[in-house]
């Protein structure tokens, strides 16, 4: 059984390095960000662990071979935030032909939410997007995402540039967002 919810998707961007508002506090002890090896299994664990509560399902249907091919592309970089060597979250960056870099997926595993790690990871992601040669960094979020997502993006200096509305079918037991 499903029900329909109305969703608002907001697109945000940074057009220059100077627009990024850096995270004021240093990262927590034991936090480090490492490049994900081409590992469909680890990617799926992160994707599902972060996105399950927010109805991320797009990548669930990709076979391992397709996911490995995607992760191996030169324009894709997946970075994993680890705290005392335990995966805490990740960010997926995609460089596009127009010179922009998209933060395609971003988030923390539930046990690590509320520790300031999201601000640290987002700052890293934007800085890495510029290192990848990006001329603009962009992402989108929606009303199904964490209530902390949009405030984090705005606090780092992202500005909304487009909004769209759509309906999404969710399982009946899911509360409306």
Protein backbone atom coordinates (compact mmCIF):
# COMPACT_ATOMS: atom_id res chain seq x y z
CA UNK A 1 0.00 0.00 0.00
CA UNK A 2 1.29 3.46 -0.86
CA UNK A 3 0.30 7.07 -0.47
CA UNK A 4 1.26 10.16 -2.42
CA UNK A 5 3.18 13.08 -0.94
CA UNK A 6 3.90 16.43 -2.50
CA UNK A 7 7.65 17.13 -2.59
CA UNK A 8 9.54 20.37 -3.14
CA UNK A 9 13.01 20.00 -4.67
CA UNK A 10 15.35 22.98 -4.25
CA UNK A 11 18.46 23.45 -6.40
CA UNK A 12 21.33 25.39 -4.81
CA UNK A 13 24.71 26.57 -6.05
CA UNK A 14 28.00 28.25 -5.30
CA UNK A 15 29.36 30.21 -8.25
CA UNK A 16 32.80 31.03 -6.84
CA UNK A 17 35.23 29.80 -4.20
CA UNK A 18 34.75 33.02 -2.26
CA UNK A 19 31.08 32.19 -1.61
CA UNK A 20 31.95 29.16 0.55
CA UNK A 21 31.56 29.88 4.24
CA UNK A 22 34.04 27.64 5.97
CA UNK A 23 33.21 25.49 8.93
CA UNK A 24 34.43 27.41 12.00
CA UNK A 25 35.27 24.48 14.28
CA UNK A 26 37.91 21.87 13.47
CA UNK A 27 36.73 18.36 12.65
CA UNK A 28 36.17 16.06 15.62
CA UNK A 29 39.07 13.91 16.82
CA UNK A 30 39.43 10.76 14.78
CA UNK A 31 37.56 12.14 11.74
CA UNK A 32 39.14 11.78 8.33
CA UNK A 33 37.88 11.75 4.77
CA UNK A 34 39.18 9.13 2.35
CA UNK A 35 38.54 8.36 -1.30
CA UNK A 36 36.33 5.29 -1.77
CA UNK A 37 37.97 2.48 -3.66
CA UNK A 38 35.81 1.13 -6.47
CA UNK A 39 33.72 -0.97 -4.10
CA UNK A 40 30.07 -1.47 -5.02
CA UNK A 41 29.48 -3.24 -1.68
CA UNK A 42 30.80 -0.36 0.44
CA UNK A 43 29.04 2.18 -1.78
CA UNK A 44 25.72 0.34 -1.35
CA UNK A 45 26.18 0.20 2.43
CA UNK A 46 26.71 3.97 2.53
CA UNK A 47 23.99 4.81 0.00
CA UNK A 48 21.38 2.68 1.73
CA UNK A 49 22.49 3.53 5.25
CA UNK A 50 22.37 7.27 4.62
CA UNK A 51 19.44 7.36 2.24
CA UNK A 52 17.00 4.73 3.49
CA UNK A 53 15.14 7.17 5.76
CA UNK A 54 14.93 9.71 2.92
CA UNK A 55 13.62 7.31 0.26
CA UNK A 56 16.76 7.10 -1.86
CA UNK A 57 16.17 4.18 -4.21
CA UNK A 58 17.65 5.17 -7.60
CA UNK A 59 20.90 3.24 -7.19
CA UNK A 60 19.34 0.17 -5.57
CA UNK A 61 18.40 -1.26 -8.97
CA UNK A 62 21.90 -0.89 -10.47
CA UNK A 63 23.67 -4.26 -10.85
CA UNK A 64 27.15 -4.43 -9.28
CA UNK A 65 28.83 -4.31 -12.71
CA UNK A 66 27.02 -1.10 -13.65
CA UNK A 67 27.80 0.45 -10.28
CA UNK A 68 31.49 -0.52 -10.57
CA UNK A 69 31.63 1.00 -14.08
CA UNK A 70 30.05 4.22 -12.78
CA UNK A 71 32.38 4.42 -9.76
CA UNK A 72 35.36 3.92 -12.06
CA UNK A 73 34.58 6.95 -14.22
CA UNK A 74 37.16 9.73 -14.17
CA UNK A 75 34.47 12.36 -13.52
CA UNK A 76 33.07 10.63 -10.41
CA UNK A 77 34.64 10.78 -6.94
CA UNK A 78 33.13 9.29 -3.79
CA UNK A 79 34.64 10.35 -0.48
CA UNK A 80 33.94 8.57 2.80
CA UNK A 81 33.96 10.29 6.17
CA UNK A 82 35.37 7.92 8.75
CA UNK A 83 35.41 8.50 12.50
CA UNK A 84 37.90 6.28 14.31
CA UNK A 85 37.92 4.17 11.14
CA UNK A 86 34.13 3.63 11.19
CA UNK A 87 32.21 4.88 8.13
CA UNK A 88 30.14 7.90 9.20
CA UNK A 89 28.92 9.34 5.90
CA UNK A 90 29.87 10.10 2.34
CA UNK A 91 29.73 12.55 -0.53
CA UNK A 92 29.52 11.73 -4.23
CA UNK A 93 30.88 14.35 -6.63
CA UNK A 94 30.22 14.34 -10.37
CA UNK A 95 32.07 16.66 -12.76
CA UNK A 96 29.92 17.66 -15.73
CA UNK A 97 30.94 18.74 -19.24
CA UNK A 98 29.72 22.31 -18.59
CA UNK A 99 32.46 22.73 -15.96
CA UNK A 100 30.14 22.36 -12.98
CA UNK A 101 30.59 19.82 -10.22
CA UNK A 102 27.46 18.31 -8.71
CA UNK A 103 27.23 17.08 -5.16
CA UNK A 104 25.09 14.15 -6.31
CA UNK A 105 24.69 12.43 -2.93
CA UNK A 106 25.67 13.61 0.51
CA UNK A 107 24.83 12.53 4.03
CA UNK A 108 25.65 10.89 7.32
CA UNK A 109 24.76 7.52 8.73
CA UNK A 110 22.12 7.93 11.48
CA UNK A 111 24.51 7.23 14.40
CA UNK A 112 26.67 10.22 13.37
CA UNK A 113 23.99 12.88 12.91
CA UNK A 114 24.10 15.87 15.25
CA UNK A 115 27.87 15.94 15.84
CA UNK A 116 28.82 18.72 13.41
CA UNK A 117 30.18 16.20 10.94
CA UNK A 118 27.83 17.27 8.14
CA UNK A 119 29.25 20.80 8.09
CA UNK A 120 32.79 19.38 8.03
CA UNK A 121 32.00 16.94 5.19
CA UNK A 122 30.15 19.56 3.14
CA UNK A 123 33.02 22.04 3.44
CA UNK A 124 35.41 19.32 2.28
CA UNK A 125 33.08 18.42 -0.62
CA UNK A 126 32.94 21.99 -1.91
CA UNK A 127 36.70 22.43 -1.63
CA UNK A 128 37.21 19.12 -3.45
CA UNK A 129 34.77 20.19 -6.19
CA UNK A 130 36.93 23.26 -6.84
CA UNK A 131 40.06 21.06 -6.86
CA UNK A 132 38.35 18.92 -9.52
CA UNK A 133 38.27 22.03 -11.71
CA UNK A 134 34.66 23.01 -11.09
CA UNK A 135 33.52 26.43 -12.21
CA UNK A 136 30.32 26.08 -10.21
CA UNK A 137 29.25 23.68 -7.44
CA UNK A 138 25.61 22.67 -7.22
CA UNK A 139 23.27 20.22 -5.56
CA UNK A 140 19.64 19.68 -4.85
CA UNK A 141 17.72 18.75 -1.76
CA UNK A 142 14.05 18.13 -1.15
CA UNK A 143 11.46 18.11 1.58
CA UNK A 144 11.99 14.36 2.05
CA UNK A 145 15.63 14.95 3.09
CA UNK A 146 16.86 15.55 6.61
CA UNK A 147 15.60 18.75 8.21
CA UNK A 148 19.30 19.64 8.75
CA UNK A 149 20.18 19.43 5.03
CA UNK A 150 18.94 22.79 3.75
CA UNK A 151 20.22 24.78 6.77
CA UNK A 152 23.66 23.17 6.32
CA UNK A 153 23.77 24.10 2.63
CA UNK A 154 22.68 27.67 3.35
CA UNK A 155 25.19 27.98 6.21
CA UNK A 156 28.01 27.02 3.81
CA UNK A 157 26.90 29.81 1.43
CA UNK A 158 24.84 27.91 -1.12
CA UNK A 159 22.07 29.96 -2.74
CA UNK A 160 18.82 28.57 -4.16
CA UNK A 161 18.39 29.10 -7.90
CA UNK A 162 15.45 26.86 -8.83
CA UNK A 163 12.59 25.03 -7.20
CA UNK A 164 10.27 22.35 -8.53
CA UNK A 165 7.37 20.39 -7.15
CA UNK A 166 6.44 16.79 -7.81
CA UNK A 167 4.45 13.96 -6.27
CA UNK A 168 6.10 10.81 -4.96
CA UNK A 169 4.59 7.48 -3.98
CA UNK A 170 5.75 6.33 -0.56
CA UNK A 171 4.98 3.23 1.48
CA UNK A 172 1.82 3.67 3.56
CA UNK A 173 3.68 3.47 6.88
CA UNK A 174 5.83 6.50 5.94
CA UNK A 175 4.81 9.75 7.64
CA UNK A 176 4.36 12.68 5.30
CA UNK A 177 7.32 15.10 5.15
